[in-house]
C-alpha atoms as a PDB file:
ATOM      1  CA  MET A   1     -10.118  13.242 -13.422  1.00  0.00           C
ATOM      2  CA  PRO A   2     -11.897  10.137 -14.734  1.00  0.00           C
ATOM      3  CA  ALA A   3      -8.554   8.588 -15.694  1.00  0.00           C
ATOM      4  CA  TRP A   4      -7.221   9.258 -12.176  1.00  0.00           C
ATOM      5  CA  GLY A   5     -10.397   7.801 -10.697  1.00  0.00           C
ATOM      6  CA  VAL A   6      -9.856   4.586 -12.666  1.00  0.00           C
ATOM      7  CA  ALA A   7      -6.066   4.361 -12.246  1.00  0.00           C
ATOM      8  CA  ASN A   8      -5.976   4.976  -8.485  1.00  0.00           C
ATOM      9  CA  PRO A   9      -7.915   1.901  -7.292  1.00  0.00           C
ATOM     10  CA  ILE A  10      -6.215  -0.306  -9.890  1.00  0.00           C
ATOM     11  CA  ALA A  11      -2.771   0.794  -8.693  1.00  0.00           C
ATOM     12  CA  LEU A  12      -3.782   0.358  -5.061  1.00  0.00           C
ATOM     13  CA  ASN A  13      -5.064  -3.160  -5.697  1.00  0.00           C
ATOM     14  CA  LEU A  14      -1.876  -4.102  -7.569  1.00  0.00           C
ATOM     15  CA  LEU A  15       0.247  -2.751  -4.720  1.00  0.00           C
ATOM     16  CA  LEU A  16      -1.730  -4.619  -2.069  1.00  0.00           C
ATOM     17  CA  ARG A  17      -1.601  -7.835  -4.091  1.00  0.00           C
ATOM     18  CA  ARG A  18       2.165  -7.525  -4.401  1.00  0.00           C
ATOM     19  CA  LEU A  19       2.534  -6.841  -0.684  1.00  0.00           C
ATOM     20  CA  GLY A  20       0.398  -9.882   0.117  1.00  0.00           C
ATOM     21  CA  GLU A  21       2.591 -12.100  -2.053  1.00  0.00           C
ATOM     22  CA  LEU A  22       5.810 -11.129  -0.258  1.00  0.00           C
ATOM     23  CA  ASP A  23       5.283 -13.570   2.607  1.00  0.00           C
ATOM     24  CA  PRO A  24       1.887 -15.287   2.826  1.00  0.00           C
ATOM     25  CA  ALA A  25       2.561 -16.307   6.444  1.00  0.00           C
ATOM     26  CA  GLN A  26       3.039 -12.640   7.388  1.00  0.00           C
ATOM     27  CA  ARG A  27       0.272 -11.218   5.189  1.00  0.00           C
ATOM     28  CA  GLY A  28      -1.718  -9.710   8.067  1.00  0.00           C
ATOM     29  CA  ALA A  29       1.320  -8.039   9.603  1.00  0.00           C
ATOM     30  CA  ILE A  30       2.433  -6.644   6.233  1.00  0.00           C
ATOM     31  CA  MET A  31      -1.029  -5.239   5.469  1.00  0.00           C
ATOM     32  CA  GLY A  32      -1.288  -3.776   8.976  1.00  0.00           C
ATOM     33  CA  LEU A  33       2.098  -2.118   8.653  1.00  0.00           C
ATOM     34  CA  ASN A  34       1.120  -0.730   5.240  1.00  0.00           C
ATOM     35  CA  SER A  35      -2.083   0.757   6.694  1.00  0.00           C
ATOM     36  CA  ALA A  36      -0.283   2.227   9.701  1.00  0.00           C
ATOM     37  CA  VAL A  37       2.412   3.858   7.558  1.00  0.00           C
ATOM     38  CA  THR A  38      -0.198   5.187   5.130  1.00  0.00           C
ATOM     39  CA  TYR A  39      -2.294   6.836   7.857  1.00  0.00           C
ATOM     40  CA  LEU A  40       0.807   8.197   9.611  1.00  0.00           C
ATOM     41  CA  CYS A  41       2.047   9.766   6.361  1.00  0.00           C
ATOM     42  CA  VAL A  42      -1.337  11.354   5.659  1.00  0.00           C
ATOM     43  CA  PHE A  43      -1.361  12.856   9.166  1.00  0.00           C
ATOM     44  CA  VAL A  44       2.226  14.134   9.003  1.00  0.00           C
ATOM     45  CA  GLY A  45       1.755  15.361   5.434  1.00  0.00           C
ATOM     46  CA  ALA A  46      -1.267  17.426   6.422  1.00  0.00           C
ATOM     47  CA  LEU A  47       0.716  19.007   9.258  1.00  0.00           C
ATOM     48  CA  LEU A  48       3.763  19.769   7.133  1.00  0.00           C
ATOM     49  CA  TYR A  49       1.940  20.981   4.034  1.00  0.00           C
ATOM     50  CA  ARG A  50      -0.412  23.327   5.875  1.00  0.00           C
ATOM     51  CA  PRO A  51       2.065  26.230   6.123  1.00  0.00           C
ATOM     52  CA  ILE A  52       3.116  25.794   2.501  1.00  0.00           C
ATOM     53  CA  PHE A  53      -0.503  25.814   1.360  1.00  0.00           C
ATOM     54  CA  LEU A  54      -1.471  28.805   3.521  1.00  0.00           C
ATOM     55  CA  HIS A  55       1.456  30.979   2.427  1.00  0.00           C
ATOM     56  CA  LEU A  56       2.185  29.849  -1.130  1.00  0.00           C
ATOM     57  CA  GLY A  57      -0.892  27.980  -2.390  1.00  0.00           C
ATOM     58  CA  PHE A  58      -1.656  24.637  -3.953  1.00  0.00           C
ATOM     59  CA  ALA A  59       0.879  24.906  -6.782  1.00  0.00           C
ATOM     60  CA  ALA A  60       3.704  25.173  -4.231  1.00  0.00           C
ATOM     61  CA  CYS A  61       2.426  22.001  -2.548  1.00  0.00           C
ATOM     62  CA  ALA A  62       2.531  20.212  -5.899  1.00  0.00           C
ATOM     63  CA  TRP A  63       6.103  21.413  -6.520  1.00  0.00           C
ATOM     64  CA  ALA A  64       7.178  20.360  -3.011  1.00  0.00           C
ATOM     65  CA  SER A  65       5.716  16.911  -3.620  1.00  0.00           C
ATOM     66  CA  ALA A  66       7.490  16.618  -6.958  1.00  0.00           C
ATOM     67  CA  MET A  67      10.813  17.558  -5.348  1.00  0.00           C
ATOM     68  CA  LEU A  68      10.286  14.996  -2.579  1.00  0.00           C
ATOM     69  CA  VAL A  69       9.668  12.250  -5.146  1.00  0.00           C
ATOM     70  CA  LEU A  70      12.899  12.927  -7.067  1.00  0.00           C
ATOM     71  CA  PRO A  71      15.224  11.093  -4.622  1.00  0.00           C
ATOM     72  CA  ALA A  72      12.981   8.006  -4.743  1.00  0.00           C
ATOM     73  CA  LEU A  73      12.960   8.153  -8.532  1.00  0.00           C
ATOM     74  CA  GLY A  74      16.747   8.387  -8.608  1.00  0.00           C
ATOM     75  CA  TRP A  75      17.066   5.442  -6.223  1.00  0.00           C
ATOM     76  CA  ALA A  76      14.647   3.318  -8.281  1.00  0.00           C
ATOM     77  CA  LEU A  77      16.494   4.067 -11.520  1.00  0.00           C
ATOM     78  CA  GLU A  78      19.828   3.209  -9.892  1.00  0.00           C
ATOM     79  CA  GLN A  79      18.435  -0.108  -8.625  1.00  0.00           C
ATOM     80  CA  ARG A  80      17.157  -0.915 -12.103  1.00  0.00           C
ATOM     81  CA  ARG A  81      20.549  -0.108 -13.623  1.00  0.00           C
ATOM     82  CA  ARG A  82      22.315  -2.353 -11.098  1.00  0.00           C
ATOM     83  CA  LYS A  83      19.908  -5.218 -11.708  1.00  0.00           C
ATOM     84  CA  GLN A  84      20.421  -4.993 -15.461  1.00  0.00           C
ATOM     85  CA  ALA A  85      24.201  -4.980 -14.984  1.00  0.00           C
ATOM     86  CA  VAL A  86      23.994  -8.137 -12.859  1.00  0.00           C
ATOM     87  CA  LEU A  87      21.793  -9.836 -15.452  1.00  0.00           C
ATOM     88  CA  ARG A  88      24.237  -8.896 -18.223  1.00  0.00           C
ATOM     89  CA  CYS A  89      27.141 -10.344 -16.244  1.00  0.00           C
ATOM     90  CA  ARG A  90      25.235 -13.582 -15.652  1.00  0.00           C
ATOM     91  CA  SER A  91      24.341 -13.946 -19.314  1.00  0.00           C
ATOM     92  CA  GLU A  92      27.989 -13.514 -20.359  1.00  0.00           C
ATOM     93  CA  VAL A  93      29.100 -16.402 -18.158  1.00  0.00           C
END
């Protein structure tokens, strides 16, 4: 738990810094959109996870979350592979 307590705010600060660097002229809009999406997801997540938690328990919620992250992980790995292929092609030229 202490490691999570240290890692969570560090990761959040890094994410917010990166979002702020995307377009300094739109920083306020980007941060507002990030906050809105975050609160919306927490609200919807609580509604959708309630039946899972009530009927199957916390472990089932953890498994459901892990399964929902898998498509994003696959997408991120595919994007990384494509970027590396482009960089290899550029270096050969």
